[in-house]
N, C-alpha and C. Protein backbone atom coordinates (compact mmCIF):
# COMPACT_ATOMS: atom_id res chain seq x y z
N MET A 1 -19.82 18.10 2.02
CA MET A 1 -19.01 17.00 1.64
C MET A 1 -18.92 16.00 2.86
N GLN A 2 -19.15 14.81 2.63
CA GLN A 2 -19.12 13.80 3.74
C GLN A 2 -17.69 13.26 3.93
N ILE A 3 -17.41 12.66 5.03
CA ILE A 3 -16.10 12.22 5.40
C ILE A 3 -15.59 11.09 4.49
N TYR A 4 -16.43 10.23 4.07
CA TYR A 4 -15.98 9.13 3.17
C TYR A 4 -15.57 9.68 1.82
N GLN A 5 -16.12 10.79 1.39
CA GLN A 5 -15.78 11.42 0.12
C GLN A 5 -14.37 12.02 0.24
N ILE A 6 -14.05 12.63 1.36
CA ILE A 6 -12.74 13.14 1.63
C ILE A 6 -11.65 11.97 1.57
N SER A 7 -12.08 10.87 2.15
CA SER A 7 -11.16 9.64 2.16
C SER A 7 -10.98 9.19 0.77
N LEU A 8 -12.02 9.16 -0.05
CA LEU A 8 -11.87 8.74 -1.46
C LEU A 8 -10.92 9.62 -2.18
N ILE A 9 -11.07 10.92 -2.00
CA ILE A 9 -10.15 11.90 -2.59
C ILE A 9 -8.72 11.66 -2.22
N LEU A 10 -8.51 11.35 -0.92
CA LEU A 10 -7.12 10.98 -0.44
C LEU A 10 -6.59 9.75 -1.15
N ALA A 11 -7.53 8.77 -1.24
CA ALA A 11 -7.15 7.49 -1.88
C ALA A 11 -6.69 7.70 -3.33
N ILE A 12 -7.46 8.50 -4.05
CA ILE A 12 -7.14 8.81 -5.41
C ILE A 12 -5.82 9.59 -5.48
N ALA A 13 -5.62 10.55 -4.58
CA ALA A 13 -4.36 11.29 -4.57
C ALA A 13 -3.17 10.39 -4.32
N LEU A 14 -3.36 9.37 -3.44
CA LEU A 14 -2.27 8.45 -3.18
C LEU A 14 -2.03 7.55 -4.40
N ALA A 15 -3.06 7.19 -5.10
CA ALA A 15 -2.92 6.38 -6.34
C ALA A 15 -2.16 7.16 -7.36
N VAL A 16 -2.47 8.42 -7.53
CA VAL A 16 -1.75 9.29 -8.48
C VAL A 16 -0.31 9.46 -8.12
N THR A 17 0.00 9.60 -6.80
CA THR A 17 1.36 9.66 -6.32
C THR A 17 2.07 8.39 -6.62
N GLU A 18 1.43 7.28 -6.50
CA GLU A 18 2.06 6.03 -6.86
C GLU A 18 2.40 5.93 -8.34
N LEU A 19 1.49 6.45 -9.19
CA LEU A 19 1.81 6.47 -10.64
C LEU A 19 3.06 7.34 -10.91
N LEU A 20 3.26 8.36 -10.11
CA LEU A 20 4.40 9.23 -10.33
C LEU A 20 5.71 8.67 -9.79
N THR A 21 5.66 7.78 -8.70
CA THR A 21 6.88 7.32 -8.08
C THR A 21 7.18 5.89 -8.44
N LEU A 22 6.19 5.02 -8.70
CA LEU A 22 6.38 3.65 -9.03
C LEU A 22 7.23 2.83 -8.03
N THR A 23 6.88 3.05 -6.76
CA THR A 23 7.65 2.33 -5.67
C THR A 23 6.78 1.29 -4.98
N PHE A 24 5.47 1.21 -5.26
CA PHE A 24 4.50 0.30 -4.62
C PHE A 24 4.32 0.55 -3.19
N ILE A 25 4.80 1.67 -2.65
CA ILE A 25 4.53 2.07 -1.28
C ILE A 25 3.15 2.82 -1.18
N PHE A 26 3.00 3.75 -2.06
CA PHE A 26 1.79 4.57 -2.13
C PHE A 26 0.56 3.79 -2.62
N LEU A 27 0.82 2.72 -3.29
CA LEU A 27 -0.31 1.87 -3.78
C LEU A 27 -0.98 1.17 -2.59
N GLY A 28 -0.12 0.66 -1.67
CA GLY A 28 -0.69 0.00 -0.51
C GLY A 28 -1.39 0.97 0.37
N MET A 29 -0.93 2.24 0.48
CA MET A 29 -1.62 3.19 1.23
C MET A 29 -2.91 3.62 0.57
N SER A 30 -2.90 3.64 -0.76
CA SER A 30 -4.14 3.98 -1.49
C SER A 30 -5.21 2.94 -1.31
N VAL A 31 -4.86 1.65 -1.37
CA VAL A 31 -5.85 0.62 -1.22
C VAL A 31 -6.29 0.65 0.29
N ALA A 32 -5.44 0.91 1.20
CA ALA A 32 -5.85 1.04 2.62
C ALA A 32 -6.80 2.19 2.85
N MET A 33 -6.61 3.30 2.18
CA MET A 33 -7.54 4.43 2.28
C MET A 33 -8.87 4.15 1.66
N PHE A 34 -8.87 3.35 0.56
CA PHE A 34 -10.16 2.90 0.00
C PHE A 34 -10.89 1.97 1.01
N CYS A 35 -10.14 1.14 1.74
CA CYS A 35 -10.74 0.37 2.82
C CYS A 35 -11.38 1.26 3.96
N VAL A 36 -10.64 2.26 4.33
CA VAL A 36 -11.17 3.19 5.28
C VAL A 36 -12.44 3.96 4.82
N ALA A 37 -12.41 4.38 3.55
CA ALA A 37 -13.53 5.06 2.97
C ALA A 37 -14.73 4.12 2.95
N THR A 38 -14.51 2.92 2.57
CA THR A 38 -15.63 1.93 2.58
C THR A 38 -16.17 1.71 3.95
N LEU A 39 -15.26 1.59 4.91
CA LEU A 39 -15.72 1.50 6.36
C LEU A 39 -16.54 2.66 6.77
N GLN A 40 -16.10 3.84 6.34
CA GLN A 40 -16.86 5.03 6.76
C GLN A 40 -18.24 5.09 6.08
N TYR A 41 -18.23 4.65 4.85
CA TYR A 41 -19.51 4.73 4.09
C TYR A 41 -20.51 3.67 4.74
N VAL A 42 -20.04 2.46 5.04
CA VAL A 42 -20.88 1.45 5.62
C VAL A 42 -21.41 1.82 6.99
N THR A 43 -20.52 2.27 7.81
CA THR A 43 -20.94 2.62 9.20
C THR A 43 -21.59 3.94 9.29
N GLY A 44 -21.26 4.82 8.47
CA GLY A 44 -21.91 6.21 8.44
C GLY A 44 -21.38 7.14 9.48
N ASP A 45 -20.27 6.81 10.17
CA ASP A 45 -19.74 7.69 11.16
C ASP A 45 -18.25 7.74 11.03
N PHE A 46 -17.64 8.62 11.86
CA PHE A 46 -16.19 8.80 11.85
C PHE A 46 -15.67 8.54 13.22
N ASN A 47 -14.76 7.56 13.39
CA ASN A 47 -14.13 7.30 14.61
C ASN A 47 -12.62 7.33 14.37
N TRP A 48 -11.93 8.31 14.86
CA TRP A 48 -10.58 8.60 14.57
C TRP A 48 -9.67 7.39 14.84
N GLY A 49 -9.82 6.77 16.04
CA GLY A 49 -8.95 5.68 16.39
C GLY A 49 -9.15 4.44 15.52
N ARG A 50 -10.43 4.14 15.20
CA ARG A 50 -10.77 2.99 14.33
C ARG A 50 -10.12 3.17 12.94
N GLU A 51 -10.28 4.41 12.41
CA GLU A 51 -9.78 4.64 11.03
C GLU A 51 -8.29 4.52 11.00
N VAL A 52 -7.64 5.02 12.02
CA VAL A 52 -6.15 4.94 11.99
C VAL A 52 -5.66 3.50 12.12
N VAL A 53 -6.30 2.76 12.92
CA VAL A 53 -5.92 1.33 13.11
C VAL A 53 -6.15 0.58 11.82
N VAL A 54 -7.32 0.82 11.19
CA VAL A 54 -7.70 0.13 9.95
C VAL A 54 -6.72 0.53 8.84
N PHE A 55 -6.41 1.83 8.76
CA PHE A 55 -5.49 2.28 7.74
C PHE A 55 -4.05 1.70 7.93
N ILE A 56 -3.56 1.67 9.15
CA ILE A 56 -2.17 1.14 9.36
C ILE A 56 -2.19 -0.29 9.06
N ALA A 57 -3.17 -1.15 9.55
CA ALA A 57 -3.17 -2.52 9.35
C ALA A 57 -3.33 -2.90 7.90
N ALA A 58 -4.23 -2.25 7.20
CA ALA A 58 -4.44 -2.50 5.79
C ALA A 58 -3.22 -2.07 5.02
N SER A 59 -2.64 -0.93 5.26
CA SER A 59 -1.53 -0.47 4.58
C SER A 59 -0.30 -1.41 4.63
N VAL A 60 -0.02 -1.88 5.76
CA VAL A 60 1.12 -2.81 5.98
C VAL A 60 0.88 -4.11 5.31
N THR A 61 -0.41 -4.63 5.49
CA THR A 61 -0.71 -5.89 4.90
C THR A 61 -0.63 -5.80 3.36
N VAL A 62 -1.32 -4.85 2.80
CA VAL A 62 -1.41 -4.72 1.32
C VAL A 62 0.00 -4.41 0.75
N THR A 63 0.76 -3.63 1.44
CA THR A 63 2.11 -3.35 0.93
C THR A 63 3.00 -4.57 0.92
N LEU A 64 2.94 -5.43 1.96
CA LEU A 64 3.70 -6.66 2.03
C LEU A 64 3.20 -7.60 0.89
N ILE A 65 1.87 -7.70 0.70
CA ILE A 65 1.38 -8.57 -0.33
C ILE A 65 1.86 -8.06 -1.71
N PHE A 66 1.71 -6.76 -1.99
CA PHE A 66 2.13 -6.22 -3.26
C PHE A 66 3.63 -6.44 -3.50
N ARG A 67 4.44 -6.28 -2.49
CA ARG A 67 5.94 -6.53 -2.64
C ARG A 67 6.21 -7.95 -3.01
N LYS A 68 5.46 -8.83 -2.37
CA LYS A 68 5.70 -10.31 -2.71
C LYS A 68 5.16 -10.59 -4.14
N LEU A 69 4.01 -10.04 -4.52
CA LEU A 69 3.47 -10.34 -5.81
C LEU A 69 4.25 -9.75 -6.93
N PHE A 70 4.77 -8.53 -6.80
CA PHE A 70 5.37 -7.79 -7.86
C PHE A 70 6.86 -7.75 -7.75
N LYS A 71 7.46 -8.69 -7.01
CA LYS A 71 8.93 -8.68 -6.84
C LYS A 71 9.55 -9.12 -8.16
N LYS A 72 10.61 -8.46 -8.58
CA LYS A 72 11.33 -8.76 -9.78
C LYS A 72 12.07 -10.10 -9.59
N GLN A 73 12.14 -10.90 -10.62
CA GLN A 73 12.90 -12.15 -10.53
C GLN A 73 14.36 -11.83 -10.35
N THR A 74 14.89 -10.71 -10.72
CA THR A 74 16.28 -10.41 -10.53
C THR A 74 16.65 -9.99 -9.13
N ASP A 75 15.65 -9.79 -8.26
CA ASP A 75 15.92 -9.42 -6.85
C ASP A 75 16.57 -10.52 -6.08
N GLN A 76 16.43 -11.73 -6.57
CA GLN A 76 16.99 -12.85 -5.83
C GLN A 76 18.00 -13.53 -6.70
N THR A 77 19.08 -12.90 -6.88
CA THR A 77 20.14 -13.50 -7.73
C THR A 77 21.04 -14.41 -6.84
N THR A 78 21.49 -15.50 -7.34
CA THR A 78 22.44 -16.35 -6.79
C THR A 78 23.56 -16.64 -7.69
N LEU A 79 24.70 -16.79 -7.11
CA LEU A 79 25.87 -17.17 -7.93
C LEU A 79 25.73 -18.54 -8.53
N LYS A 80 25.87 -18.68 -9.82
CA LYS A 80 25.82 -19.94 -10.49
C LYS A 80 27.22 -20.59 -10.51
N SER A 81 28.21 -19.81 -10.38
CA SER A 81 29.60 -20.33 -10.41
C SER A 81 30.35 -19.72 -9.28
N ASP A 82 31.51 -20.29 -9.07
CA ASP A 82 32.33 -19.68 -7.99
C ASP A 82 32.80 -18.27 -8.37
N ASP A 83 32.92 -17.47 -7.28
CA ASP A 83 33.31 -16.11 -7.50
C ASP A 83 34.87 -16.14 -7.69
N ILE A 84 35.36 -15.35 -8.61
CA ILE A 84 36.81 -15.29 -8.89
C ILE A 84 37.62 -14.72 -7.79
N ASN A 85 36.89 -13.94 -6.93
CA ASN A 85 37.57 -13.35 -5.76
C ASN A 85 37.74 -14.27 -4.62
N GLN A 86 37.15 -15.41 -4.62
CA GLN A 86 37.31 -16.36 -3.50
C GLN A 86 38.62 -17.15 -3.71
N TYR A 87 39.42 -17.27 -2.66
CA TYR A 87 40.65 -17.94 -2.82
C TYR A 87 40.66 -19.31 -2.28
């Protein structure tokens, strides 16, 4: 079994974990692991430092993008009238 296949299995496991938790955190990590697997497939080698940096950068970027795209409209509630507790 080649290293990119192991990365693909980890990406699928993270995607399944996301389906079970529905927090959009594991979805970003899953997409990042697919990026790492693609990089490993294209280059044909394994470089521990490069994969860790790519995984962290892609995971943070994709998680922030998904949080912005899938944010609920009710997350940004503003008061439309004065609060009765204000004197």
